[in-house]
C-alpha atoms as a PDB file:
ATOM      1  CA  MET A   1     -11.415  11.975  15.789  1.00  0.00           C
ATOM      2  CA  ALA A   2     -11.756  11.631  19.589  1.00  0.00           C
ATOM      3  CA  ASP A   3     -13.246   8.441  21.336  1.00  0.00           C
ATOM      4  CA  SER A   4     -16.679  10.636  22.056  1.00  0.00           C
ATOM      5  CA  GLU A   5     -17.442  10.456  18.470  1.00  0.00           C
ATOM      6  CA  ARG A   6     -16.802   6.994  18.104  1.00  0.00           C
ATOM      7  CA  PRO A   7     -19.310   4.362  18.732  1.00  0.00           C
ATOM      8  CA  PRO A   8     -19.055   2.176  22.027  1.00  0.00           C
ATOM      9  CA  ARG A   9     -15.896  -0.326  21.605  1.00  0.00           C
ATOM     10  CA  GLU A  10     -18.480  -3.436  21.241  1.00  0.00           C
ATOM     11  CA  GLN A  11     -20.093  -2.012  17.984  1.00  0.00           C
ATOM     12  CA  ARG A  12     -16.754  -1.251  16.527  1.00  0.00           C
ATOM     13  CA  ARG A  13     -15.102  -3.332  13.753  1.00  0.00           C
ATOM     14  CA  PHE A  14     -12.262  -5.475  14.516  1.00  0.00           C
ATOM     15  CA  SER A  15     -10.164  -8.556  13.129  1.00  0.00           C
ATOM     16  CA  ASP A  16      -8.170 -11.166  13.852  1.00  0.00           C
ATOM     17  CA  ARG A  17      -5.915 -10.688  10.766  1.00  0.00           C
ATOM     18  CA  SER A  18      -2.162 -11.041  11.390  1.00  0.00           C
ATOM     19  CA  ALA A  19      -1.025 -11.856   7.956  1.00  0.00           C
ATOM     20  CA  PRO A  20       1.030  -9.151   6.439  1.00  0.00           C
ATOM     21  CA  ALA A  21      -1.039  -6.973   3.546  1.00  0.00           C
ATOM     22  CA  VAL A  22       1.168  -6.675   0.860  1.00  0.00           C
ATOM     23  CA  ILE A  23       0.848  -4.727  -2.639  1.00  0.00           C
ATOM     24  CA  MET A  24       3.232  -4.129  -5.358  1.00  0.00           C
ATOM     25  CA  ILE A  25       3.878  -0.437  -6.501  1.00  0.00           C
ATOM     26  CA  ARG A  26       6.370   1.068  -9.271  1.00  0.00           C
ATOM     27  CA  THR A  27       7.134   4.593  -9.290  1.00  0.00           C
ATOM     28  CA  HIS A  28       7.112   6.813 -12.018  1.00  0.00           C
ATOM     29  CA  PHE A  29       8.516  10.434 -11.331  1.00  0.00           C
ATOM     30  CA  ALA A  30       7.885  13.501 -13.633  1.00  0.00           C
ATOM     31  CA  TYR A  31      11.213  15.726 -13.788  1.00  0.00           C
ATOM     32  CA  ASP A  32      11.528  19.543 -14.719  1.00  0.00           C
ATOM     33  CA  ALA A  33      12.730  20.252 -18.379  1.00  0.00           C
ATOM     34  CA  PRO A  34      16.095  19.894 -19.229  1.00  0.00           C
ATOM     35  CA  SER A  35      17.926  23.105 -18.013  1.00  0.00           C
ATOM     36  CA  GLY A  36      21.875  21.860 -18.265  1.00  0.00           C
ATOM     37  CA  ARG A  37      21.544  21.114 -14.541  1.00  0.00           C
ATOM     38  CA  ALA A  38      20.841  17.824 -12.363  1.00  0.00           C
ATOM     39  CA  PRO A  39      17.026  17.226 -13.491  1.00  0.00           C
ATOM     40  CA  ARG A  40      14.817  18.154 -10.408  1.00  0.00           C
ATOM     41  CA  VAL A  41      11.413  16.020  -9.639  1.00  0.00           C
ATOM     42  CA  ALA A  42       8.711  17.854 -10.144  1.00  0.00           C
ATOM     43  CA  ARG A  43       6.118  15.374  -9.190  1.00  0.00           C
ATOM     44  CA  TYR A  44       6.139  11.945  -7.642  1.00  0.00           C
ATOM     45  CA  HIS A  45       3.761   9.294  -8.908  1.00  0.00           C
ATOM     46  CA  SER A  46       3.312   5.493  -8.369  1.00  0.00           C
ATOM     47  CA  HIS A  47       0.990   2.985  -9.542  1.00  0.00           C
ATOM     48  CA  ILE A  48      -0.097  -0.287  -8.273  1.00  0.00           C
ATOM     49  CA  THR A  49       1.317  -3.080 -10.354  1.00  0.00           C
ATOM     50  CA  ASN A  50      -0.551  -5.853  -8.381  1.00  0.00           C
ATOM     51  CA  CYS A  51      -3.453  -5.232  -5.810  1.00  0.00           C
ATOM     52  CA  GLY A  52      -3.086  -8.629  -4.386  1.00  0.00           C
ATOM     53  CA  GLU A  53      -6.150  -9.450  -2.374  1.00  0.00           C
ATOM     54  CA  PHE A  54      -7.153  -5.639  -1.977  1.00  0.00           C
ATOM     55  CA  GLY A  55      -7.938  -4.974  -5.483  1.00  0.00           C
ATOM     56  CA  ASN A  56     -11.279  -3.530  -6.558  1.00  0.00           C
ATOM     57  CA  ASP A  57     -13.561  -4.706  -9.593  1.00  0.00           C
ATOM     58  CA  THR A  58     -13.662  -1.095 -10.782  1.00  0.00           C
ATOM     59  CA  THR A  59     -10.378   0.232 -11.874  1.00  0.00           C
ATOM     60  CA  GLN A  60     -10.764   3.636 -10.707  1.00  0.00           C
ATOM     61  CA  TYR A  61     -10.681   2.524  -7.423  1.00  0.00           C
ATOM     62  CA  ASN A  62      -7.207   1.213  -7.560  1.00  0.00           C
ATOM     63  CA  HIS A  63      -5.000   3.905  -7.051  1.00  0.00           C
ATOM     64  CA  VAL A  64      -2.203   3.573  -4.344  1.00  0.00           C
ATOM     65  CA  GLY A  65      -4.255   5.413  -1.938  1.00  0.00           C
ATOM     66  CA  ASP A  66      -7.516   3.443  -2.420  1.00  0.00           C
ATOM     67  CA  VAL A  67      -5.437   0.197  -2.372  1.00  0.00           C
ATOM     68  CA  PHE A  68      -3.640   1.145   1.018  1.00  0.00           C
ATOM     69  CA  GLN A  69      -7.275   2.113   2.696  1.00  0.00           C
ATOM     70  CA  ARG A  70      -8.728  -1.044   2.014  1.00  0.00           C
ATOM     71  CA  MET A  71      -5.321  -2.758   3.481  1.00  0.00           C
ATOM     72  CA  VAL A  72      -5.477  -0.796   6.591  1.00  0.00           C
ATOM     73  CA  ALA A  73      -9.251  -1.658   6.672  1.00  0.00           C
ATOM     74  CA  ALA A  74      -8.358  -5.266   6.668  1.00  0.00           C
ATOM     75  CA  PHE A  75      -6.908  -4.941  10.364  1.00  0.00           C
ATOM     76  CA  GLY A  76     -10.237  -3.516  11.618  1.00  0.00           C
ATOM     77  CA  ASP A  77     -10.730  -0.804  14.177  1.00  0.00           C
ATOM     78  CA  ASP A  78      -7.672   0.011  16.830  1.00  0.00           C
ATOM     79  CA  ALA A  79      -5.244  -1.905  15.264  1.00  0.00           C
ATOM     80  CA  ASP A  80      -1.762  -0.797  15.691  1.00  0.00           C
ATOM     81  CA  LEU A  81      -0.018  -1.013  12.303  1.00  0.00           C
ATOM     82  CA  GLU A  82       3.361  -0.863  11.002  1.00  0.00           C
ATOM     83  CA  VAL A  83       3.902   0.473   7.631  1.00  0.00           C
ATOM     84  CA  VAL A  84       7.264  -0.671   5.982  1.00  0.00           C
ATOM     85  CA  ILE A  85       8.097   0.152   2.333  1.00  0.00           C
ATOM     86  CA  ARG A  86      10.747  -1.638   0.658  1.00  0.00           C
ATOM     87  CA  ARG A  87      12.294  -2.809  -2.949  1.00  0.00           C
ATOM     88  CA  ALA A  88      10.907  -5.676  -4.421  1.00  0.00           C
ATOM     89  CA  ALA A  89      13.106  -8.280  -5.436  1.00  0.00           C
ATOM     90  CA  PRO A  90      13.982  -8.013  -9.318  1.00  0.00           C
ATOM     91  CA  ASN A  91      11.610  -9.120 -11.962  1.00  0.00           C
ATOM     92  CA  THR A  92       8.653  -9.530  -9.351  1.00  0.00           C
ATOM     93  CA  ALA A  93       6.051  -6.690 -10.322  1.00  0.00           C
ATOM     94  CA  GLU A  94       3.361  -9.194 -11.310  1.00  0.00           C
ATOM     95  CA  THR A  95       4.058 -11.788  -8.683  1.00  0.00           C
ATOM     96  CA  ASP A  96       1.576 -12.593  -6.028  1.00  0.00           C
ATOM     97  CA  PRO A  97       2.864 -10.077  -3.172  1.00  0.00           C
ATOM     98  CA  ALA A  98       2.198 -11.968  -0.528  1.00  0.00           C
ATOM     99  CA  SER A  99       4.703 -15.093  -2.073  1.00  0.00           C
ATOM    100  CA  GLN A 100       7.196 -12.532  -2.304  1.00  0.00           C
ATOM    101  CA  LEU A 101       6.918 -11.390   1.433  1.00  0.00           C
ATOM    102  CA  GLU A 102       6.973 -15.394   2.220  1.00  0.00           C
ATOM    103  CA  ASN A 103      10.066 -16.093  -0.169  1.00  0.00           C
ATOM    104  CA  ARG A 104      12.141 -13.116   1.245  1.00  0.00           C
ATOM    105  CA  GLY A 105      15.151 -13.885   3.755  1.00  0.00           C
ATOM    106  CA  PRO A 106      15.682 -11.884   6.792  1.00  0.00           C
ATOM    107  CA  GLU A 107      16.370  -8.279   6.253  1.00  0.00           C
END
Protein backbone atom coordinates (compact mmCIF):
# COMPACT_ATOMS: atom_id res chain seq x y z
CA MET A 1 0.00 0.00 0.00
CA ALA A 2 1.38 3.37 -1.00
CA ASP A 3 1.80 6.02 1.69
CA SER A 4 -0.61 8.23 -0.28
CA GLU A 5 -3.38 5.69 0.49
CA ARG A 6 -2.70 5.74 4.24
CA PRO A 7 -3.90 8.25 6.84
CA PRO A 8 -1.51 11.05 7.81
CA ARG A 9 1.25 9.88 10.16
CA GLU A 10 -0.25 11.64 13.19
CA GLN A 11 -3.48 9.60 12.75
CA ARG A 12 -1.80 6.19 12.52
CA ARG A 13 -1.75 3.66 15.39
CA PHE A 14 1.66 3.48 17.03
CA SER A 15 3.03 1.44 19.92
CA ASP A 16 6.08 1.81 22.14
CA ARG A 17 6.21 -1.95 22.67
CA SER A 18 9.73 -3.32 22.78
CA ALA A 19 9.12 -6.68 24.51
CA PRO A 20 9.29 -9.65 22.13
CA ALA A 21 6.02 -11.22 20.98
CA VAL A 22 6.22 -14.99 21.53
CA ILE A 23 3.88 -17.90 20.78
CA MET A 24 4.43 -21.66 20.68
CA ILE A 25 3.71 -23.66 17.49
CA ARG A 26 3.72 -27.40 16.78
CA THR A 27 4.35 -28.64 13.23
CA HIS A 28 2.46 -31.62 11.85
CA PHE A 29 3.23 -32.57 8.24
CA ALA A 30 1.12 -34.79 5.97
CA TYR A 31 3.01 -37.23 3.74
CA ASP A 32 2.22 -38.94 0.44
CA ALA A 33 1.03 -42.53 0.60
CA PRO A 34 3.85 -45.09 1.07
CA SER A 35 5.45 -45.95 -2.27
CA GLY A 36 8.65 -47.77 -1.37
CA ARG A 37 10.64 -44.52 -1.57
CA ALA A 38 11.42 -41.90 1.01
CA PRO A 39 8.17 -40.16 1.98
CA ARG A 40 7.48 -36.79 0.39
CA VAL A 41 5.78 -34.05 2.38
CA ALA A 42 2.45 -33.38 0.69
CA ARG A 43 1.22 -30.67 3.08
CA TYR A 44 2.84 -28.58 5.77
CA HIS A 45 0.62 -27.91 8.76
CA SER A 46 1.13 -26.29 12.14
CA HIS A 47 -1.05 -25.33 15.07
CA ILE A 48 -0.70 -23.02 18.04
CA THR A 49 0.04 -24.78 21.32
CA ASN A 50 0.23 -21.56 23.34
CA CYS A 51 -1.01 -18.16 22.10
CA GLY A 52 0.54 -16.25 24.97
CA GLU A 53 -1.05 -12.80 25.17
CA PHE A 54 -2.24 -12.99 21.54
CA GLY A 55 -5.04 -15.54 21.91
CA ASN A 56 -8.63 -14.82 20.98
CA ASP A 57 -11.61 -15.97 23.05
CA THR A 58 -13.09 -17.43 19.86
CA THR A 59 -11.05 -20.55 19.10
CA GLN A 60 -11.63 -20.32 15.35
CA TYR A 61 -9.50 -17.16 15.31
CA ASN A 62 -6.45 -18.78 16.89
CA HIS A 63 -4.86 -20.25 13.77
CA VAL A 64 -1.17 -19.53 13.18
CA GLY A 65 -1.85 -16.76 10.66
CA ASP A 66 -4.45 -15.05 12.84
CA VAL A 67 -2.26 -15.06 15.93
CA PHE A 68 0.78 -13.94 13.93
CA GLN A 69 -1.17 -10.93 12.60
CA ARG A 70 -2.10 -9.93 16.17
CA MET A 71 1.55 -10.21 17.18
CA VAL A 72 2.55 -7.87 14.34
CA ALA A 73 -0.26 -5.44 15.19
CA ALA A 74 0.98 -5.19 18.79
CA PHE A 75 3.97 -3.21 17.53
CA GLY A 76 1.87 -0.58 15.76
CA ASP A 77 2.22 1.08 12.38
CA ASP A 78 5.57 1.84 10.71
CA ALA A 79 7.44 -0.66 12.92
CA ASP A 80 10.43 -2.51 11.48
CA LEU A 81 10.20 -6.07 12.81
CA GLU A 82 12.45 -9.11 12.73
CA VAL A 83 10.89 -12.59 12.70
CA VAL A 84 12.97 -15.44 14.15
CA ILE A 85 11.68 -19.00 14.26
CA ARG A 86 13.62 -21.52 16.31
CA ARG A 87 13.09 -24.78 18.12
CA ALA A 88 11.66 -24.53 21.61
CA ALA A 89 13.47 -26.15 24.49
CA PRO A 90 12.25 -29.76 25.02
CA ASN A 91 8.96 -30.24 26.89
CA THR A 92 8.00 -26.55 26.84
CA ALA A 93 5.03 -26.47 24.46
CA GLU A 94 2.57 -25.69 27.28
CA THR A 95 4.84 -23.28 29.18
CA ASP A 96 4.30 -19.53 28.96
CA PRO A 97 6.03 -18.45 25.72
CA ALA A 98 7.44 -15.24 27.20
CA SER A 99 9.13 -17.13 30.04
CA GLN A 100 10.72 -19.45 27.48
CA LEU A 101 12.32 -16.46 25.81
CA GLU A 102 13.58 -15.09 29.13
CA ASN A 103 15.02 -18.46 30.21
CA ARG A 104 16.88 -19.05 26.96
CA GLY A 105 20.62 -18.58 26.95
CA PRO A 106 22.57 -16.83 24.20
CA GLU A 107 22.13 -18.29 20.73
